[in-house]
Amino acid sequence: MLRDDIETPGRLDATQLNNICTWITKGMSEQRSTDLGTLKHTVLTYVMLDHKPLDPPISKKEDKSDRGFNHPQIARMLCPCKKLDVFDEDPDMYVLGACRTTSLTCHRIIGTLQDGQIKATAANWPTMFYEDGVYDPDDRMKGLFRGHAALRVYLHLFIGPNAAVTDTAVGNPSRPSKNRLWGLMRVTPQIIAYTHVLVCFLLHRC
């Protein structure tokens, strides 16, 4: 067994270990590329809670210039949770903030998001990371990593696109899911992190 070979000191030399690491890394890269390819356009149908199309719609094209903070509905999902109340009041309103020269000046809230002056950090997650996009300032962990977009990305990748469309754990019975093929019995922290990284990358314009 490969696992026994890896865990037993001296059984594999440096060249063999390097070859194994290269093989694993290559497989991870290929799987990530496959996942991104299947989701590039489909993920846009998972953005709205009720599965309604985006308004304005985004056409299928190679670049993602219409995504991220350039799209009002996606901008709201990517908006850091602590700024959502300002965003909801008026995405185009002018707010007081620090510019690059550190002085205070007025900017559109959506403009500060586009410029990166308001940053998403571990203390200020994107709104879409929360269940139903609801952030509780008194309990920052409530609903965290339970957003519908990341959940649908998980369903799409690990159970099947049909599961993501119907918001159920039922995939296509004629095609075994990754969960079944890989023997995955539960959703791990690594899977949660992976799906959230993917959905952020796919929705941003970069």
N, C-alpha and C. Protein backbone atom coordinates (compact mmCIF):
# COMPACT_ATOMS: atom_id res chain seq x y z
N MET A 1 0.84 -1.20 0.00
CA MET A 1 0.00 0.00 0.00
C MET A 1 0.88 1.25 0.00
N LEU A 2 0.49 2.23 -0.81
CA LEU A 2 1.26 3.46 -0.90
C LEU A 2 1.33 4.15 0.46
N ARG A 3 0.24 4.13 1.20
CA ARG A 3 0.23 4.80 2.51
C ARG A 3 1.26 4.17 3.44
N ASP A 4 1.34 2.84 3.42
CA ASP A 4 2.32 2.16 4.27
C ASP A 4 3.74 2.52 3.85
N ASP A 5 3.96 2.61 2.54
CA ASP A 5 5.29 2.98 2.04
C ASP A 5 5.69 4.38 2.51
N ILE A 6 4.71 5.31 2.47
CA ILE A 6 5.00 6.69 2.85
C ILE A 6 5.25 6.81 4.34
N GLU A 7 4.47 6.08 5.13
CA GLU A 7 4.55 6.22 6.58
C GLU A 7 5.66 5.40 7.22
N THR A 8 6.26 4.50 6.46
CA THR A 8 7.35 3.67 7.00
C THR A 8 8.69 4.30 6.66
N PRO A 9 9.44 4.77 7.66
CA PRO A 9 10.74 5.42 7.40
C PRO A 9 11.70 4.49 6.65
N GLY A 10 12.33 5.05 5.63
CA GLY A 10 13.35 4.31 4.90
C GLY A 10 12.85 3.45 3.76
N ARG A 11 11.53 3.29 3.65
CA ARG A 11 11.01 2.43 2.59
C ARG A 11 11.10 3.10 1.22
N LEU A 12 10.98 4.41 1.19
CA LEU A 12 11.08 5.15 -0.07
C LEU A 12 12.25 6.11 -0.01
N ASP A 13 12.97 6.23 -1.13
CA ASP A 13 14.07 7.19 -1.15
C ASP A 13 13.55 8.55 -1.59
N ALA A 14 14.43 9.55 -1.61
CA ALA A 14 14.04 10.92 -1.91
C ALA A 14 13.43 11.06 -3.30
N THR A 15 13.99 10.35 -4.27
CA THR A 15 13.48 10.43 -5.64
C THR A 15 12.07 9.89 -5.73
N GLN A 16 11.82 8.77 -5.07
CA GLN A 16 10.48 8.17 -5.09
C GLN A 16 9.46 9.09 -4.40
N LEU A 17 9.84 9.68 -3.29
CA LEU A 17 8.94 10.59 -2.58
C LEU A 17 8.64 11.81 -3.44
N ASN A 18 9.66 12.32 -4.11
CA ASN A 18 9.47 13.48 -4.99
C ASN A 18 8.52 13.16 -6.13
N ASN A 19 8.65 11.96 -6.69
CA ASN A 19 7.77 11.54 -7.78
C ASN A 19 6.32 11.43 -7.31
N ILE A 20 6.14 10.92 -6.09
CA ILE A 20 4.80 10.79 -5.54
C ILE A 20 4.18 12.17 -5.32
N CYS A 21 4.97 13.09 -4.75
CA CYS A 21 4.48 14.46 -4.52
C CYS A 21 4.11 15.14 -5.83
N THR A 22 4.92 14.93 -6.86
CA THR A 22 4.64 15.51 -8.17
C THR A 22 3.34 14.96 -8.74
N TRP A 23 3.15 13.68 -8.59
CA TRP A 23 1.94 13.01 -9.09
C TRP A 23 0.69 13.54 -8.36
N ILE A 24 0.80 13.68 -7.04
CA ILE A 24 -0.34 14.18 -6.26
C ILE A 24 -0.66 15.62 -6.63
N THR A 25 0.38 16.45 -6.74
CA THR A 25 0.18 17.86 -7.08
C THR A 25 -0.44 18.01 -8.46
N LYS A 26 0.01 17.20 -9.40
CA LYS A 26 -0.54 17.24 -10.76
C LYS A 26 -2.02 16.85 -10.75
N GLY A 27 -2.35 15.83 -9.98
CA GLY A 27 -3.74 15.40 -9.90
C GLY A 27 -4.63 16.46 -9.28
N MET A 28 -4.12 17.13 -8.23
CA MET A 28 -4.89 18.20 -7.59
C MET A 28 -5.13 19.36 -8.56
N SER A 29 -4.09 19.72 -9.31
CA SER A 29 -4.21 20.83 -10.26
C SER A 29 -5.21 20.50 -11.36
N GLU A 30 -5.16 19.28 -11.87
CA GLU A 30 -6.07 18.88 -12.93
C GLU A 30 -7.52 18.85 -12.43
N GLN A 31 -7.72 18.38 -11.19
CA GLN A 31 -9.07 18.34 -10.65
C GLN A 31 -9.61 19.74 -10.42
N ARG A 32 -8.77 20.63 -9.93
CA ARG A 32 -9.20 22.02 -9.71
C ARG A 32 -9.57 22.67 -11.04
N SER A 33 -8.79 22.43 -12.09
CA SER A 33 -9.10 22.99 -13.40
C SER A 33 -10.42 22.44 -13.93
N THR A 34 -10.66 21.17 -13.70
CA THR A 34 -11.92 20.56 -14.12
C THR A 34 -13.09 21.17 -13.39
N ASP A 35 -12.95 21.35 -12.07
CA ASP A 35 -14.02 21.94 -11.27
C ASP A 35 -14.33 23.36 -11.73
N LEU A 36 -13.29 24.15 -11.96
CA LEU A 36 -13.50 25.52 -12.41
C LEU A 36 -14.17 25.56 -13.78
N GLY A 37 -13.78 24.63 -14.64
CA GLY A 37 -14.36 24.58 -15.97
C GLY A 37 -15.85 24.27 -15.95
N THR A 38 -16.27 23.36 -15.08
CA THR A 38 -17.69 22.99 -15.02
C THR A 38 -18.53 24.08 -14.36
N LEU A 39 -17.88 24.94 -13.58
CA LEU A 39 -18.62 25.94 -12.81
C LEU A 39 -18.55 27.35 -13.38
N LYS A 40 -17.65 27.59 -14.33
CA LYS A 40 -17.37 28.96 -14.77
C LYS A 40 -18.62 29.76 -15.09
N HIS A 41 -19.52 29.18 -15.85
CA HIS A 41 -20.76 29.87 -16.21
C HIS A 41 -21.93 29.40 -15.36
N THR A 42 -21.93 28.14 -14.99
CA THR A 42 -23.04 27.59 -14.22
C THR A 42 -23.19 28.25 -12.86
N VAL A 43 -22.07 28.67 -12.27
CA VAL A 43 -22.13 29.25 -10.92
C VAL A 43 -23.03 30.49 -10.89
N LEU A 44 -23.18 31.17 -12.02
CA LEU A 44 -24.03 32.36 -12.05
C LEU A 44 -25.50 32.02 -11.80
N THR A 45 -25.88 30.77 -12.05
CA THR A 45 -27.26 30.36 -11.79
C THR A 45 -27.46 29.99 -10.32
N TYR A 46 -26.37 29.95 -9.57
CA TYR A 46 -26.45 29.59 -8.15
C TYR A 46 -26.40 30.82 -7.24
N VAL A 47 -26.25 32.00 -7.82
CA VAL A 47 -26.01 33.20 -7.03
C VAL A 47 -27.25 33.65 -6.26
N MET A 48 -28.37 33.74 -6.93
CA MET A 48 -29.58 34.25 -6.30
C MET A 48 -30.23 33.15 -5.45
N LEU A 49 -30.71 33.55 -4.29
CA LEU A 49 -31.27 32.58 -3.35
C LEU A 49 -32.42 31.79 -3.96
N ASP A 50 -33.24 32.46 -4.77
CA ASP A 50 -34.42 31.82 -5.36
C ASP A 50 -34.15 31.28 -6.77
N HIS A 51 -32.89 31.22 -7.16
CA HIS A 51 -32.49 30.71 -8.48
C HIS A 51 -32.93 31.61 -9.64
N LYS A 52 -33.37 32.81 -9.35
CA LYS A 52 -33.72 33.72 -10.43
C LYS A 52 -32.46 34.17 -11.15
N PRO A 53 -32.57 34.54 -12.43
CA PRO A 53 -31.39 35.02 -13.17
C PRO A 53 -30.90 36.35 -12.64
N LEU A 54 -29.63 36.62 -12.85
CA LEU A 54 -29.06 37.90 -12.43
C LEU A 54 -29.65 39.04 -13.27
N ASP A 55 -29.74 40.20 -12.66
CA ASP A 55 -30.25 41.39 -13.34
C ASP A 55 -29.31 42.56 -13.06
N PRO A 56 -28.58 43.05 -14.06
CA PRO A 56 -28.61 42.63 -15.47
C PRO A 56 -27.95 41.26 -15.66
N PRO A 57 -28.37 40.55 -16.71
CA PRO A 57 -27.79 39.23 -16.97
C PRO A 57 -26.33 39.32 -17.40
N ILE A 58 -25.59 38.24 -17.18
CA ILE A 58 -24.19 38.16 -17.59
C ILE A 58 -24.07 37.11 -18.67
N SER A 59 -23.55 37.49 -19.82
CA SER A 59 -23.43 36.55 -20.94
C SER A 59 -22.27 35.60 -20.72
N LYS A 60 -22.31 34.49 -21.42
CA LYS A 60 -21.23 33.52 -21.35
C LYS A 60 -20.06 33.98 -22.23
N LYS A 61 -18.98 34.30 -21.58
CA LYS A 61 -17.78 34.73 -22.31
C LYS A 61 -16.56 34.36 -21.50
N GLU A 62 -15.40 34.48 -22.11
CA GLU A 62 -14.18 34.01 -21.47
C GLU A 62 -13.77 34.86 -20.27
N ASP A 63 -13.84 36.19 -20.41
CA ASP A 63 -13.40 37.03 -19.30
C ASP A 63 -14.53 37.22 -18.29
N LYS A 64 -14.17 37.70 -17.10
CA LYS A 64 -15.14 37.86 -16.02
C LYS A 64 -15.31 39.34 -15.65
N SER A 65 -15.14 40.21 -16.63
CA SER A 65 -15.17 41.65 -16.35
C SER A 65 -16.52 42.14 -15.85
N ASP A 66 -17.59 41.41 -16.14
CA ASP A 66 -18.92 41.82 -15.71
C ASP A 66 -19.26 41.32 -14.30
N ARG A 67 -18.34 40.61 -13.69
CA ARG A 67 -18.61 40.03 -12.37
C ARG A 67 -18.00 40.89 -11.26
N GLY A 68 -17.96 40.35 -10.08
CA GLY A 68 -17.36 41.06 -8.97
C GLY A 68 -18.13 42.32 -8.61
N PHE A 69 -17.42 43.37 -8.22
CA PHE A 69 -18.05 44.61 -7.81
C PHE A 69 -18.56 45.44 -8.99
N ASN A 70 -18.41 44.89 -10.20
CA ASN A 70 -18.97 45.55 -11.38
C ASN A 70 -20.42 45.15 -11.63
N HIS A 71 -20.92 44.19 -10.85
CA HIS A 71 -22.31 43.77 -10.98
C HIS A 71 -23.01 44.01 -9.65
N PRO A 72 -24.14 44.74 -9.64
CA PRO A 72 -24.76 45.13 -8.37
C PRO A 72 -25.15 43.98 -7.46
N GLN A 73 -25.69 42.90 -8.01
CA GLN A 73 -26.13 41.80 -7.16
C GLN A 73 -24.94 40.98 -6.65
N ILE A 74 -23.96 40.76 -7.49
CA ILE A 74 -22.76 40.04 -7.04
C ILE A 74 -21.97 40.92 -6.07
N ALA A 75 -21.95 42.23 -6.32
CA ALA A 75 -21.26 43.16 -5.41
C ALA A 75 -21.84 43.05 -4.01
N ARG A 76 -23.14 42.93 -3.92
CA ARG A 76 -23.76 42.81 -2.59
C ARG A 76 -23.31 41.53 -1.89
N MET A 77 -23.21 40.45 -2.63
CA MET A 77 -22.78 39.19 -2.04
C MET A 77 -21.32 39.24 -1.59
N LEU A 78 -20.50 39.96 -2.35
CA LEU A 78 -19.08 40.05 -2.02
C LEU A 78 -18.79 41.15 -1.00
N CYS A 79 -19.75 42.02 -0.77
CA CYS A 79 -19.56 43.13 0.16
C CYS A 79 -19.25 42.59 1.56
N PRO A 80 -18.19 43.09 2.21
CA PRO A 80 -17.90 42.67 3.58
C PRO A 80 -19.11 42.88 4.47
N CYS A 81 -19.37 41.90 5.32
CA CYS A 81 -20.62 41.89 6.09
C CYS A 81 -20.83 43.14 6.93
N LYS A 82 -19.76 43.73 7.44
CA LYS A 82 -19.91 44.90 8.30
C LYS A 82 -20.30 46.16 7.53
N LYS A 83 -20.19 46.11 6.21
CA LYS A 83 -20.55 47.27 5.38
C LYS A 83 -21.86 47.05 4.65
N LEU A 84 -22.52 45.93 4.91
CA LEU A 84 -23.73 45.61 4.15
C LEU A 84 -24.86 46.60 4.41
N ASP A 85 -24.98 47.08 5.64
CA ASP A 85 -26.06 48.02 5.93
C ASP A 85 -25.91 49.30 5.12
N VAL A 86 -24.66 49.75 4.94
CA VAL A 86 -24.41 50.94 4.13
C VAL A 86 -24.70 50.65 2.66
N PHE A 87 -24.27 49.48 2.20
CA PHE A 87 -24.49 49.08 0.81
C PHE A 87 -25.99 49.00 0.52
N ASP A 88 -26.75 48.40 1.42
CA ASP A 88 -28.19 48.24 1.20
C ASP A 88 -28.92 49.57 1.21
N GLU A 89 -28.41 50.51 1.96
CA GLU A 89 -29.05 51.83 2.00
C GLU A 89 -28.97 52.50 0.64
N ASP A 90 -27.81 52.40 0.00
CA ASP A 90 -27.63 52.92 -1.35
C ASP A 90 -26.23 52.58 -1.83
N PRO A 91 -26.08 51.65 -2.77
CA PRO A 91 -24.76 51.27 -3.26
C PRO A 91 -23.98 52.43 -3.86
N ASP A 92 -24.70 53.44 -4.32
CA ASP A 92 -24.04 54.58 -4.96
C ASP A 92 -23.88 55.78 -4.03
N MET A 93 -24.28 55.60 -2.76
CA MET A 93 -24.18 56.74 -1.85
C MET A 93 -22.72 57.04 -1.52
N TYR A 94 -22.45 58.25 -1.15
CA TYR A 94 -21.10 58.64 -0.79
C TYR A 94 -20.89 58.49 0.72
N VAL A 95 -19.80 57.84 1.09
CA VAL A 95 -19.50 57.59 2.50
C VAL A 95 -18.11 58.11 2.82
N LEU A 96 -17.89 58.38 4.07
CA LEU A 96 -16.59 58.88 4.51
C LEU A 96 -15.64 57.71 4.67
N GLY A 97 -14.47 57.80 4.04
CA GLY A 97 -13.51 56.71 4.14
C GLY A 97 -12.10 57.21 3.90
N ALA A 98 -11.14 56.36 4.17
CA ALA A 98 -9.73 56.74 4.00
C ALA A 98 -9.29 56.46 2.58
N CYS A 99 -8.68 57.44 1.95
CA CYS A 99 -8.15 57.23 0.61
C CYS A 99 -6.69 56.81 0.72
N ARG A 100 -6.03 56.66 -0.42
CA ARG A 100 -4.66 56.14 -0.42
C ARG A 100 -3.68 57.07 0.30
N THR A 101 -4.04 58.33 0.44
CA THR A 101 -3.16 59.26 1.14
C THR A 101 -3.48 59.31 2.63
N THR A 102 -4.36 58.40 3.06
CA THR A 102 -4.79 58.23 4.46
C THR A 102 -5.69 59.36 4.96
N SER A 103 -5.95 60.36 4.16
CA SER A 103 -6.89 61.40 4.59
C SER A 103 -8.31 60.92 4.37
N LEU A 104 -9.25 61.55 5.08
CA LEU A 104 -10.65 61.16 4.94
C LEU A 104 -11.29 61.93 3.80
N THR A 105 -12.04 61.20 2.99
CA THR A 105 -12.71 61.83 1.86
C THR A 105 -13.97 61.03 1.56
N CYS A 106 -14.78 61.51 0.65
CA CYS A 106 -16.04 60.84 0.33
C CYS A 106 -15.88 59.97 -0.91
N HIS A 107 -16.43 58.77 -0.84
CA HIS A 107 -16.40 57.82 -1.96
C HIS A 107 -17.76 57.13 -2.05
N ARG A 108 -18.09 56.67 -3.23
CA ARG A 108 -19.24 55.77 -3.34
C ARG A 108 -18.86 54.47 -2.65
N ILE A 109 -19.81 53.86 -1.92
CA ILE A 109 -19.51 52.62 -1.21
C ILE A 109 -19.08 51.54 -2.19
N ILE A 110 -19.73 51.47 -3.35
CA ILE A 110 -19.35 50.45 -4.32
C ILE A 110 -17.99 50.77 -4.93
N GLY A 111 -17.66 52.07 -5.00
CA GLY A 111 -16.36 52.47 -5.51
C GLY A 111 -15.24 52.07 -4.57
N THR A 112 -15.48 52.20 -3.26
CA THR A 112 -14.45 51.81 -2.30
C THR A 112 -14.23 50.30 -2.31
N LEU A 113 -15.29 49.56 -2.63
CA LEU A 113 -15.15 48.11 -2.76
C LEU A 113 -14.33 47.78 -4.02
N GLN A 114 -14.64 48.46 -5.12
CA GLN A 114 -13.92 48.21 -6.36
C GLN A 114 -12.44 48.56 -6.22
N ASP A 115 -12.15 49.62 -5.50
CA ASP A 115 -10.76 50.08 -5.34
C ASP A 115 -9.99 49.28 -4.30
N GLY A 116 -10.69 48.43 -3.55
CA GLY A 116 -10.01 47.66 -2.51
C GLY A 116 -9.76 48.43 -1.24
N GLN A 117 -10.38 49.63 -1.09
CA GLN A 117 -10.20 50.40 0.14
C GLN A 117 -10.95 49.76 1.31
N ILE A 118 -12.05 49.07 0.99
CA ILE A 118 -12.73 48.25 1.98
C ILE A 118 -12.36 46.81 1.67
N LYS A 119 -11.74 46.14 2.61
CA LYS A 119 -11.20 44.80 2.36
C LYS A 119 -12.00 43.75 3.11
N ALA A 120 -12.09 42.57 2.50
CA ALA A 120 -12.69 41.42 3.16
C ALA A 120 -11.59 40.68 3.91
N THR A 121 -11.72 40.57 5.20
CA THR A 121 -10.74 39.88 6.03
C THR A 121 -11.44 38.82 6.87
N ALA A 122 -10.67 38.12 7.68
CA ALA A 122 -11.25 37.10 8.56
C ALA A 122 -12.20 37.71 9.58
N ALA A 123 -12.06 39.02 9.81
CA ALA A 123 -12.96 39.70 10.74
C ALA A 123 -14.09 40.41 9.99
N ASN A 124 -14.11 40.29 8.69
CA ASN A 124 -15.10 40.99 7.87
C ASN A 124 -15.38 40.20 6.60
N TRP A 125 -15.92 39.00 6.78
CA TRP A 125 -16.14 38.09 5.67
C TRP A 125 -17.12 38.66 4.65
N PRO A 126 -17.06 38.17 3.38
CA PRO A 126 -18.10 38.54 2.40
C PRO A 126 -19.48 38.11 2.89
N THR A 127 -20.47 38.90 2.57
CA THR A 127 -21.82 38.62 3.03
C THR A 127 -22.30 37.25 2.58
N MET A 128 -21.89 36.80 1.41
CA MET A 128 -22.37 35.52 0.88
C MET A 128 -21.91 34.33 1.69
N PHE A 129 -20.94 34.52 2.60
CA PHE A 129 -20.48 33.42 3.44
C PHE A 129 -21.49 33.08 4.52
N TYR A 130 -22.47 33.96 4.73
CA TYR A 130 -23.45 33.76 5.80
C TYR A 130 -24.76 33.21 5.25
N GLU A 131 -25.42 32.42 6.06
CA GLU A 131 -26.70 31.83 5.67
C GLU A 131 -27.71 32.92 5.35
N ASP A 132 -28.28 32.84 4.16
CA ASP A 132 -29.24 33.83 3.66
C ASP A 132 -28.67 35.24 3.62
N GLY A 133 -27.34 35.37 3.67
CA GLY A 133 -26.71 36.68 3.63
C GLY A 133 -26.98 37.52 4.85
N VAL A 134 -27.27 36.87 5.98
CA VAL A 134 -27.61 37.58 7.22
C VAL A 134 -26.43 37.51 8.19
N TYR A 135 -25.93 38.67 8.58
CA TYR A 135 -24.81 38.77 9.51
C TYR A 135 -25.28 39.34 10.83
N ASP A 136 -24.94 38.66 11.93
CA ASP A 136 -25.31 39.09 13.27
C ASP A 136 -24.06 39.66 13.95
N PRO A 137 -23.98 40.98 14.12
CA PRO A 137 -22.78 41.58 14.73
C PRO A 137 -22.54 41.12 16.16
N ASP A 138 -23.58 40.60 16.81
CA ASP A 138 -23.42 40.11 18.19
C ASP A 138 -22.97 38.67 18.24
N ASP A 139 -23.03 37.99 17.11
CA ASP A 139 -22.58 36.60 17.03
C ASP A 139 -22.03 36.35 15.63
N ARG A 140 -20.75 36.67 15.44
CA ARG A 140 -20.14 36.62 14.11
C ARG A 140 -20.08 35.22 13.52
N MET A 141 -20.18 34.20 14.36
CA MET A 141 -20.13 32.83 13.86
C MET A 141 -21.49 32.30 13.42
N LYS A 142 -22.55 32.98 13.77
CA LYS A 142 -23.89 32.52 13.44
C LYS A 142 -24.10 32.50 11.93
N GLY A 143 -24.37 31.34 11.39
CA GLY A 143 -24.63 31.20 9.96
C GLY A 143 -23.40 31.26 9.08
N LEU A 144 -22.20 31.41 9.66
CA LEU A 144 -20.98 31.53 8.86
C LEU A 144 -20.69 30.23 8.12
N PHE A 145 -20.31 30.36 6.86
CA PHE A 145 -20.01 29.24 5.95
C PHE A 145 -21.25 28.37 5.68
N ARG A 146 -22.40 29.00 5.71
CA ARG A 146 -23.65 28.30 5.39
C ARG A 146 -24.41 29.01 4.27
N GLY A 147 -23.70 29.85 3.52
CA GLY A 147 -24.34 30.56 2.43
C GLY A 147 -24.79 29.64 1.31
N HIS A 148 -25.85 30.02 0.61
CA HIS A 148 -26.44 29.14 -0.40
C HIS A 148 -25.54 28.96 -1.62
N ALA A 149 -24.76 29.97 -2.00
CA ALA A 149 -23.93 29.86 -3.20
C ALA A 149 -22.85 28.80 -3.02
N ALA A 150 -22.15 28.84 -1.88
CA ALA A 150 -21.11 27.84 -1.61
C ALA A 150 -21.72 26.46 -1.45
N LEU A 151 -22.90 26.39 -0.83
CA LEU A 151 -23.58 25.10 -0.68
C LEU A 151 -23.90 24.51 -2.03
N ARG A 152 -24.38 25.34 -2.95
CA ARG A 152 -24.72 24.83 -4.29
C ARG A 152 -23.47 24.42 -5.06
N VAL A 153 -22.37 25.12 -4.85
CA VAL A 153 -21.11 24.70 -5.48
C VAL A 153 -20.69 23.33 -4.94
N TYR A 154 -20.85 23.14 -3.65
CA TYR A 154 -20.55 21.81 -3.07
C TYR A 154 -21.45 20.74 -3.69
N LEU A 155 -22.76 21.00 -3.73
CA LEU A 155 -23.69 20.02 -4.30
C LEU A 155 -23.33 19.72 -5.75
N HIS A 156 -23.01 20.76 -6.51
CA HIS A 156 -22.65 20.60 -7.92
C HIS A 156 -21.44 19.69 -8.08
N LEU A 157 -20.42 19.93 -7.29
CA LEU A 157 -19.16 19.19 -7.45
C LEU A 157 -19.18 17.80 -6.86
N PHE A 158 -19.77 17.66 -5.70
CA PHE A 158 -19.62 16.41 -4.96
C PHE A 158 -20.83 15.49 -5.05
N ILE A 159 -21.99 16.02 -5.47
CA ILE A 159 -23.17 15.16 -5.64
C ILE A 159 -23.65 15.19 -7.08
N GLY A 160 -23.68 16.38 -7.68
CA GLY A 160 -24.06 16.49 -9.08
C GLY A 160 -24.81 17.78 -9.35
N PRO A 161 -24.74 18.29 -10.59
CA PRO A 161 -25.43 19.54 -10.93
C PRO A 161 -26.92 19.52 -10.61
N ASN A 162 -27.56 18.38 -10.79
CA ASN A 162 -28.99 18.29 -10.52
C ASN A 162 -29.29 18.60 -9.06
N ALA A 163 -28.41 18.18 -8.16
CA ALA A 163 -28.60 18.45 -6.74
C ALA A 163 -28.51 19.95 -6.46
N ALA A 164 -27.59 20.64 -7.16
CA ALA A 164 -27.43 22.07 -6.95
C ALA A 164 -28.65 22.84 -7.47
N VAL A 165 -29.22 22.38 -8.56
CA VAL A 165 -30.38 23.05 -9.15
C VAL A 165 -31.61 22.89 -8.26
N THR A 166 -31.74 21.74 -7.63
CA THR A 166 -32.93 21.45 -6.83
C THR A 166 -32.73 21.71 -5.34
N ASP A 167 -31.49 22.09 -4.96
CA ASP A 167 -31.16 22.32 -3.54
C ASP A 167 -31.46 21.09 -2.68
N THR A 168 -31.11 19.94 -3.21
CA THR A 168 -31.28 18.69 -2.48
C THR A 168 -29.99 17.88 -2.55
N ALA A 169 -29.94 16.81 -1.81
CA ALA A 169 -28.77 15.94 -1.83
C ALA A 169 -28.97 14.78 -2.79
N VAL A 170 -29.87 14.96 -3.76
CA VAL A 170 -30.18 13.90 -4.72
C VAL A 170 -29.56 14.26 -6.06
N GLY A 171 -28.62 13.44 -6.52
CA GLY A 171 -27.97 13.67 -7.79
C GLY A 171 -28.56 12.81 -8.89
N ASN A 172 -27.78 12.62 -9.94
CA ASN A 172 -28.20 11.78 -11.06
C ASN A 172 -27.89 10.32 -10.72
N PRO A 173 -28.91 9.47 -10.56
CA PRO A 173 -28.67 8.08 -10.16
C PRO A 173 -27.84 7.29 -11.17
N SER A 174 -27.80 7.75 -12.42
CA SER A 174 -27.05 7.03 -13.44
C SER A 174 -25.56 7.37 -13.42
N ARG A 175 -25.19 8.41 -12.65
CA ARG A 175 -23.79 8.81 -12.56
C ARG A 175 -23.37 8.89 -11.10
N PRO A 176 -22.44 8.05 -10.68
CA PRO A 176 -22.01 8.08 -9.28
C PRO A 176 -21.36 9.41 -8.92
N SER A 177 -21.66 9.91 -7.74
CA SER A 177 -21.13 11.19 -7.30
C SER A 177 -19.67 11.04 -6.84
N LYS A 178 -19.01 12.19 -6.69
CA LYS A 178 -17.65 12.15 -6.15
C LYS A 178 -17.65 11.60 -4.73
N ASN A 179 -18.67 11.95 -3.98
CA ASN A 179 -18.76 11.43 -2.61
C ASN A 179 -18.72 9.92 -2.61
N ARG A 180 -19.45 9.31 -3.53
CA ARG A 180 -19.49 7.85 -3.59
C ARG A 180 -18.20 7.29 -4.15
N LEU A 181 -17.69 7.91 -5.21
CA LEU A 181 -16.45 7.41 -5.83
C LEU A 181 -15.27 7.51 -4.88
N TRP A 182 -15.23 8.59 -4.10
CA TRP A 182 -14.08 8.83 -3.22
C TRP A 182 -14.32 8.36 -1.79
N GLY A 183 -15.51 7.82 -1.54
CA GLY A 183 -15.80 7.32 -0.20
C GLY A 183 -15.92 8.42 0.85
N LEU A 184 -16.41 9.58 0.44
CA LEU A 184 -16.57 10.69 1.38
C LEU A 184 -17.87 10.53 2.16
N MET A 185 -17.74 10.44 3.46
CA MET A 185 -18.91 10.21 4.30
C MET A 185 -19.41 11.47 5.00
N ARG A 186 -18.62 12.53 4.97
CA ARG A 186 -19.03 13.77 5.64
C ARG A 186 -18.36 14.96 4.95
N VAL A 187 -18.89 16.14 5.22
CA VAL A 187 -18.30 17.36 4.69
C VAL A 187 -17.21 17.81 5.66
N THR A 188 -15.99 17.84 5.20
CA THR A 188 -14.85 18.17 6.04
C THR A 188 -14.56 19.68 6.00
N PRO A 189 -13.81 20.19 6.96
CA PRO A 189 -13.40 21.61 6.91
C PRO A 189 -12.66 21.95 5.63
N GLN A 190 -11.89 21.00 5.11
CA GLN A 190 -11.14 21.23 3.87
C GLN A 190 -12.10 21.42 2.69
N ILE A 191 -13.16 20.65 2.64
CA ILE A 191 -14.15 20.78 1.57
C ILE A 191 -14.87 22.12 1.68
N ILE A 192 -15.22 22.52 2.90
CA ILE A 192 -15.88 23.81 3.11
C ILE A 192 -14.98 24.94 2.62
N ALA A 193 -13.70 24.88 2.99
CA ALA A 193 -12.76 25.91 2.56
C ALA A 193 -12.62 25.92 1.03
N TYR A 194 -12.53 24.75 0.44
CA TYR A 194 -12.35 24.63 -1.01
C TYR A 194 -13.52 25.24 -1.76
N THR A 195 -14.74 24.93 -1.35
CA THR A 195 -15.92 25.44 -2.06
C THR A 195 -16.03 26.96 -1.91
N HIS A 196 -15.66 27.49 -0.75
CA HIS A 196 -15.73 28.94 -0.56
C HIS A 196 -14.66 29.67 -1.37
N VAL A 197 -13.49 29.09 -1.47
CA VAL A 197 -12.44 29.69 -2.31
C VAL A 197 -12.88 29.69 -3.76
N LEU A 198 -13.46 28.58 -4.22
CA LEU A 198 -13.92 28.49 -5.61
C LEU A 198 -15.00 29.52 -5.91
N VAL A 199 -15.99 29.62 -5.05
CA VAL A 199 -17.10 30.53 -5.34
C VAL A 199 -16.61 31.98 -5.33
N CYS A 200 -15.67 32.31 -4.45
CA CYS A 200 -15.10 33.66 -4.45
C CYS A 200 -14.35 33.94 -5.75
N PHE A 201 -13.53 32.99 -6.16
CA PHE A 201 -12.75 33.16 -7.40
C PHE A 201 -13.67 33.30 -8.59
N LEU A 202 -14.71 32.49 -8.66
CA LEU A 202 -15.60 32.49 -9.81
C LEU A 202 -16.46 33.75 -9.90
N LEU A 203 -16.79 34.34 -8.77
CA LEU A 203 -17.65 35.52 -8.77
C LEU A 203 -16.87 36.82 -8.89
N HIS A 204 -15.60 36.80 -8.52
CA HIS A 204 -14.79 38.00 -8.69
C HIS A 204 -14.46 38.19 -10.17
N ARG A 205 -14.16 39.41 -10.54
CA ARG A 205 -13.89 39.71 -11.95
C ARG A 205 -12.45 39.37 -12.36
N CYS A 206 -11.59 39.13 -11.40
CA CYS A 206 -10.18 38.85 -11.72
C CYS A 206 -10.00 37.42 -12.23
